[in-house]
Amino acid sequence: MSTSELDWRKSSYSSAQGDSCVEVAVTEQAIHVRDSKDVARSPFAVGRDGWTRFVGFAAGI
């Protein structure tokens, strides 16, 4: 599956203009992340365990 076919989701905290945010797409293999201001740029992917650790860190858990 190409990254253009993924179901990209943006934070509900993103501004009404739709900028200044990251978007994520979840697959069985990985979490894909891209810059919502530059969707032509290649996204990166991180494994589910790495994403879980990142979100825990960001949330202060």
PDB file of N, CA and C in Angstrom:
ATOM      1  N   MET A   1       0.849  -1.176   0.000  1.00  0.00           N
ATOM      2  CA  MET A   1       0.000   0.000   0.000  1.00  0.00           C
ATOM      3  C   MET A   1       0.890   1.233   0.000  1.00  0.00           C
ATOM      4  N   SER A   2       0.598   2.154  -0.899  1.00  0.00           N
ATOM      5  CA  SER A   2       1.376   3.395  -0.916  1.00  0.00           C
ATOM      6  C   SER A   2       0.845   4.334   0.163  1.00  0.00           C
ATOM      7  N   THR A   3       1.677   5.278   0.571  1.00  0.00           N
ATOM      8  CA  THR A   3       1.263   6.196   1.636  1.00  0.00           C
ATOM      9  C   THR A   3       0.119   7.103   1.191  1.00  0.00           C
ATOM     10  N   SER A   4      -0.058   7.303  -0.104  1.00  0.00           N
ATOM     11  CA  SER A   4      -1.184   8.126  -0.567  1.00  0.00           C
ATOM     12  C   SER A   4      -2.513   7.408  -0.377  1.00  0.00           C
ATOM     13  N   GLU A   5      -2.488   6.102  -0.211  1.00  0.00           N
ATOM     14  CA  GLU A   5      -3.707   5.318  -0.010  1.00  0.00           C
ATOM     15  C   GLU A   5      -4.084   5.159   1.466  1.00  0.00           C
ATOM     16  N   LEU A   6      -3.242   5.647   2.357  1.00  0.00           N
ATOM     17  CA  LEU A   6      -3.503   5.493   3.786  1.00  0.00           C
ATOM     18  C   LEU A   6      -4.609   6.432   4.245  1.00  0.00           C
ATOM     19  N   ASP A   7      -5.249   6.083   5.338  1.00  0.00           N
ATOM     20  CA  ASP A   7      -6.295   6.907   5.942  1.00  0.00           C
ATOM     21  C   ASP A   7      -5.630   7.857   6.932  1.00  0.00           C
ATOM     22  N   TRP A   8      -5.245   9.037   6.456  1.00  0.00           N
ATOM     23  CA  TRP A   8      -4.536  10.014   7.278  1.00  0.00           C
ATOM     24  C   TRP A   8      -5.509  10.723   8.199  1.00  0.00           C
ATOM     25  N   ARG A   9      -5.115  10.892   9.462  1.00  0.00           N
ATOM     26  CA  ARG A   9      -5.946  11.574  10.457  1.00  0.00           C
ATOM     27  C   ARG A   9      -5.157  12.699  11.100  1.00  0.00           C
ATOM     28  N   LYS A  10      -5.849  13.801  11.303  1.00  0.00           N
ATOM     29  CA  LYS A  10      -5.238  14.981  11.902  1.00  0.00           C
ATOM     30  C   LYS A  10      -5.842  15.208  13.281  1.00  0.00           C
ATOM     31  N   SER A  11      -5.071  15.780  14.158  1.00  0.00           N
ATOM     32  CA  SER A  11      -5.543  16.085  15.505  1.00  0.00           C
ATOM     33  C   SER A  11      -6.750  17.013  15.480  1.00  0.00           C
ATOM     34  N   SER A  12      -7.663  16.795  16.391  1.00  0.00           N
ATOM     35  CA  SER A  12      -8.806  17.699  16.523  1.00  0.00           C
ATOM     36  C   SER A  12      -8.358  19.062  17.049  1.00  0.00           C
ATOM     37  N   TYR A  13      -7.130  19.149  17.538  1.00  0.00           N
ATOM     38  CA  TYR A  13      -6.584  20.417  18.019  1.00  0.00           C
ATOM     39  C   TYR A  13      -5.969  21.244  16.895  1.00  0.00           C
ATOM     40  N   SER A  14      -5.949  20.722  15.682  1.00  0.00           N
ATOM     41  CA  SER A  14      -5.393  21.452  14.551  1.00  0.00           C
ATOM     42  C   SER A  14      -6.244  22.685  14.275  1.00  0.00           C
ATOM     43  N   SER A  15      -5.611  23.732  13.779  1.00  0.00           N
ATOM     44  CA  SER A  15      -6.337  24.976  13.519  1.00  0.00           C
ATOM     45  C   SER A  15      -7.343  24.798  12.386  1.00  0.00           C
ATOM     46  N   ALA A  16      -8.273  25.723  12.280  1.00  0.00           N
ATOM     47  CA  ALA A  16      -9.301  25.675  11.240  1.00  0.00           C
ATOM     48  C   ALA A  16      -8.697  25.749   9.835  1.00  0.00           C
ATOM     49  N   GLN A  17      -7.519  26.365   9.712  1.00  0.00           N
ATOM     50  CA  GLN A  17      -6.859  26.456   8.413  1.00  0.00           C
ATOM     51  C   GLN A  17      -6.216  25.126   8.020  1.00  0.00           C
ATOM     52  N   GLY A  18      -6.116  24.199   8.973  1.00  0.00           N
ATOM     53  CA  GLY A  18      -5.559  22.889   8.674  1.00  0.00           C
ATOM     54  C   GLY A  18      -4.049  22.839   8.624  1.00  0.00           C
ATOM     55  N   ASP A  19      -3.386  23.849   9.181  1.00  0.00           N
ATOM     56  CA  ASP A  19      -1.926  23.851   9.137  1.00  0.00           C
ATOM     57  C   ASP A  19      -1.342  23.576  10.517  1.00  0.00           C
ATOM     58  N   SER A  20      -0.039  23.571  10.575  1.00  0.00           N
ATOM     59  CA  SER A  20       0.690  23.434  11.838  1.00  0.00           C
ATOM     60  C   SER A  20       0.332  22.175  12.620  1.00  0.00           C
ATOM     61  N   CYS A  21       0.278  21.087  11.938  1.00  0.00           N
ATOM     62  CA  CYS A  21      -0.074  19.848  12.622  1.00  0.00           C
ATOM     63  C   CYS A  21       0.586  18.665  11.906  1.00  0.00           C
ATOM     64  N   VAL A  22       0.672  17.575  12.601  1.00  0.00           N
ATOM     65  CA  VAL A  22       1.091  16.337  11.969  1.00  0.00           C
ATOM     66  C   VAL A  22      -0.147  15.486  11.737  1.00  0.00           C
ATOM     67  N   GLU A  23      -0.031  14.594  10.789  1.00  0.00           N
ATOM     68  CA  GLU A  23      -1.090  13.635  10.512  1.00  0.00           C
ATOM     69  C   GLU A  23      -0.516  12.245  10.721  1.00  0.00           C
ATOM     70  N   VAL A  24      -1.342  11.321  11.156  1.00  0.00           N
ATOM     71  CA  VAL A  24      -0.914   9.947  11.348  1.00  0.00           C
ATOM     72  C   VAL A  24      -1.851   9.008  10.603  1.00  0.00           C
ATOM     73  N   ALA A  25      -1.303   7.901  10.184  1.00  0.00           N
ATOM     74  CA  ALA A  25      -2.072   6.830   9.555  1.00  0.00           C
ATOM     75  C   ALA A  25      -1.604   5.528  10.193  1.00  0.00           C
ATOM     76  N   VAL A  26      -2.551   4.734  10.643  1.00  0.00           N
ATOM     77  CA  VAL A  26      -2.242   3.502  11.367  1.00  0.00           C
ATOM     78  C   VAL A  26      -2.443   2.301  10.451  1.00  0.00           C
ATOM     79  N   THR A  27      -1.427   1.442  10.395  1.00  0.00           N
ATOM     80  CA  THR A  27      -1.545   0.165   9.700  1.00  0.00           C
ATOM     81  C   THR A  27      -1.171  -0.933  10.692  1.00  0.00           C
ATOM     82  N   GLU A  28      -1.337  -2.163  10.296  1.00  0.00           N
ATOM     83  CA  GLU A  28      -0.964  -3.270  11.190  1.00  0.00           C
ATOM     84  C   GLU A  28       0.525  -3.276  11.487  1.00  0.00           C
ATOM     85  N   GLN A  29       1.336  -2.824  10.535  1.00  0.00           N
ATOM     86  CA  GLN A  29       2.782  -2.880  10.687  1.00  0.00           C
ATOM     87  C   GLN A  29       3.382  -1.669  11.388  1.00  0.00           C
ATOM     88  N   ALA A  30       2.779  -0.488  11.221  1.00  0.00           N
ATOM     89  CA  ALA A  30       3.440   0.725  11.700  1.00  0.00           C
ATOM     90  C   ALA A  30       2.455   1.882  11.837  1.00  0.00           C
ATOM     91  N   ILE A  31       2.962   2.947  12.453  1.00  0.00           N
ATOM     92  CA  ILE A  31       2.279   4.229  12.501  1.00  0.00           C
ATOM     93  C   ILE A  31       3.050   5.146  11.561  1.00  0.00           C
ATOM     94  N   HIS A  32       2.374   5.710  10.581  1.00  0.00           N
ATOM     95  CA  HIS A  32       2.993   6.594   9.603  1.00  0.00           C
ATOM     96  C   HIS A  32       2.707   8.033  10.026  1.00  0.00           C
ATOM     97  N   VAL A  33       3.703   8.894   9.898  1.00  0.00           N
ATOM     98  CA  VAL A  33       3.589  10.282  10.350  1.00  0.00           C
ATOM     99  C   VAL A  33       4.041  11.208   9.227  1.00  0.00           C
ATOM    100  N   ARG A  34       3.262  12.293   9.019  1.00  0.00           N
ATOM    101  CA  ARG A  34       3.665  13.276   8.009  1.00  0.00           C
ATOM    102  C   ARG A  34       3.289  14.675   8.485  1.00  0.00           C
ATOM    103  N   ASP A  35       3.897  15.657   7.852  1.00  0.00           N
ATOM    104  CA  ASP A  35       3.653  17.067   8.121  1.00  0.00           C
ATOM    105  C   ASP A  35       2.437  17.502   7.302  1.00  0.00           C
ATOM    106  N   SER A  36       1.406  18.003   7.957  1.00  0.00           N
ATOM    107  CA  SER A  36       0.191  18.387   7.231  1.00  0.00           C
ATOM    108  C   SER A  36       0.409  19.591   6.306  1.00  0.00           C
ATOM    109  N   LYS A  37       1.460  20.363   6.542  1.00  0.00           N
ATOM    110  CA  LYS A  37       1.757  21.513   5.683  1.00  0.00           C
ATOM    111  C   LYS A  37       2.491  21.107   4.412  1.00  0.00           C
ATOM    112  N   ASP A  38       3.065  19.911   4.406  1.00  0.00           N
ATOM    113  CA  ASP A  38       3.886  19.474   3.275  1.00  0.00           C
ATOM    114  C   ASP A  38       3.637  17.990   3.014  1.00  0.00           C
ATOM    115  N   VAL A  39       2.447  17.665   2.549  1.00  0.00           N
ATOM    116  CA  VAL A  39       2.089  16.259   2.353  1.00  0.00           C
ATOM    117  C   VAL A  39       2.826  15.612   1.186  1.00  0.00           C
ATOM    118  N   ALA A  40       3.492  16.406   0.362  1.00  0.00           N
ATOM    119  CA  ALA A  40       4.287  15.846  -0.728  1.00  0.00           C
ATOM    120  C   ALA A  40       5.593  15.259  -0.209  1.00  0.00           C
ATOM    121  N   ARG A  41       6.024  15.732   0.952  1.00  0.00           N
ATOM    122  CA  ARG A  41       7.254  15.217   1.561  1.00  0.00           C
ATOM    123  C   ARG A  41       6.993  13.797   2.063  1.00  0.00           C
ATOM    124  N   SER A  42       7.991  12.955   1.954  1.00  0.00           N
ATOM    125  CA  SER A  42       7.838  11.564   2.381  1.00  0.00           C
ATOM    126  C   SER A  42       7.574  11.469   3.878  1.00  0.00           C
ATOM    127  N   PRO A  43       6.563  10.706   4.257  1.00  0.00           N
ATOM    128  CA  PRO A  43       6.311  10.496   5.680  1.00  0.00           C
ATOM    129  C   PRO A  43       7.321   9.509   6.245  1.00  0.00           C
ATOM    130  N   PHE A  44       7.356   9.386   7.555  1.00  0.00           N
ATOM    131  CA  PHE A  44       8.173   8.341   8.156  1.00  0.00           C
ATOM    132  C   PHE A  44       7.260   7.399   8.917  1.00  0.00           C
ATOM    133  N   ALA A  45       7.771   6.229   9.217  1.00  0.00           N
ATOM    134  CA  ALA A  45       6.987   5.228   9.923  1.00  0.00           C
ATOM    135  C   ALA A  45       7.746   4.767  11.154  1.00  0.00           C
ATOM    136  N   VAL A  46       6.991   4.450  12.175  1.00  0.00           N
ATOM    137  CA  VAL A  46       7.562   3.944  13.413  1.00  0.00           C
ATOM    138  C   VAL A  46       6.725   2.741  13.845  1.00  0.00           C
ATOM    139  N   GLY A  47       7.381   1.771  14.457  1.00  0.00           N
ATOM    140  CA  GLY A  47       6.667   0.595  14.935  1.00  0.00           C
ATOM    141  C   GLY A  47       5.679   0.948  16.038  1.00  0.00           C
ATOM    142  N   ARG A  48       4.718   0.073  16.254  1.00  0.00           N
ATOM    143  CA  ARG A  48       3.688   0.322  17.264  1.00  0.00           C
ATOM    144  C   ARG A  48       4.284   0.493  18.660  1.00  0.00           C
ATOM    145  N   ASP A  49       5.277  -0.295  19.021  1.00  0.00           N
ATOM    146  CA  ASP A  49       5.901  -0.160  20.347  1.00  0.00           C
ATOM    147  C   ASP A  49       6.576   1.194  20.506  1.00  0.00           C
ATOM    148  N   GLY A  50       7.289   1.623  19.476  1.00  0.00           N
ATOM    149  CA  GLY A  50       7.947   2.929  19.516  1.00  0.00           C
ATOM    150  C   GLY A  50       6.928   4.059  19.612  1.00  0.00           C
ATOM    151  N   TRP A  51       5.827   3.944  18.889  1.00  0.00           N
ATOM    152  CA  TRP A  51       4.781   4.967  18.942  1.00  0.00           C
ATOM    153  C   TRP A  51       4.159   5.028  20.336  1.00  0.00           C
ATOM    154  N   THR A  52       3.904   3.878  20.922  1.00  0.00           N
ATOM    155  CA  THR A  52       3.329   3.828  22.268  1.00  0.00           C
ATOM    156  C   THR A  52       4.254   4.506  23.274  1.00  0.00           C
ATOM    157  N   ARG A  53       5.555   4.243  23.180  1.00  0.00           N
ATOM    158  CA  ARG A  53       6.516   4.890  24.078  1.00  0.00           C
ATOM    159  C   ARG A  53       6.549   6.397  23.850  1.00  0.00           C
ATOM    160  N   PHE A  54       6.523   6.831  22.585  1.00  0.00           N
ATOM    161  CA  PHE A  54       6.529   8.254  22.274  1.00  0.00           C
ATOM    162  C   PHE A  54       5.297   8.950  22.852  1.00  0.00           C
ATOM    163  N   VAL A  55       4.118   8.389  22.624  1.00  0.00           N
ATOM    164  CA  VAL A  55       2.886   9.013  23.130  1.00  0.00           C
ATOM    165  C   VAL A  55       2.904   9.052  24.651  1.00  0.00           C
ATOM    166  N   GLY A  56       3.383   7.990  25.285  1.00  0.00           N
ATOM    167  CA  GLY A  56       3.497   7.986  26.746  1.00  0.00           C
ATOM    168  C   GLY A  56       4.427   9.081  27.233  1.00  0.00           C
ATOM    169  N   PHE A  57       5.543   9.250  26.565  1.00  0.00           N
ATOM    170  CA  PHE A  57       6.497  10.299  26.925  1.00  0.00           C
ATOM    171  C   PHE A  57       5.875  11.685  26.742  1.00  0.00           C
ATOM    172  N   ALA A  58       5.220  11.891  25.589  1.00  0.00           N
ATOM    173  CA  ALA A  58       4.610  13.186  25.285  1.00  0.00           C
ATOM    174  C   ALA A  58       3.486  13.526  26.278  1.00  0.00           C
ATOM    175  N   ALA A  59       2.801  12.504  26.764  1.00  0.00           N
ATOM    176  CA  ALA A  59       1.700  12.720  27.705  1.00  0.00           C
ATOM    177  C   ALA A  59       2.195  12.821  29.137  1.00  0.00           C
ATOM    178  N   GLY A  60       3.492  12.583  29.331  1.00  0.00           N
ATOM    179  CA  GLY A  60       4.061  12.665  30.677  1.00  0.00           C
ATOM    180  C   GLY A  60       3.763  11.450  31.536  1.00  0.00           C
ATOM    181  N   ILE A  61       3.505  10.327  30.888  1.00  0.00           N
ATOM    182  CA  ILE A  61       3.202   9.104  31.628  1.00  0.00           C
ATOM    183  C   ILE A  61       4.477   8.380  31.999  1.00  0.00           C
TER     184      ILE A  61
END
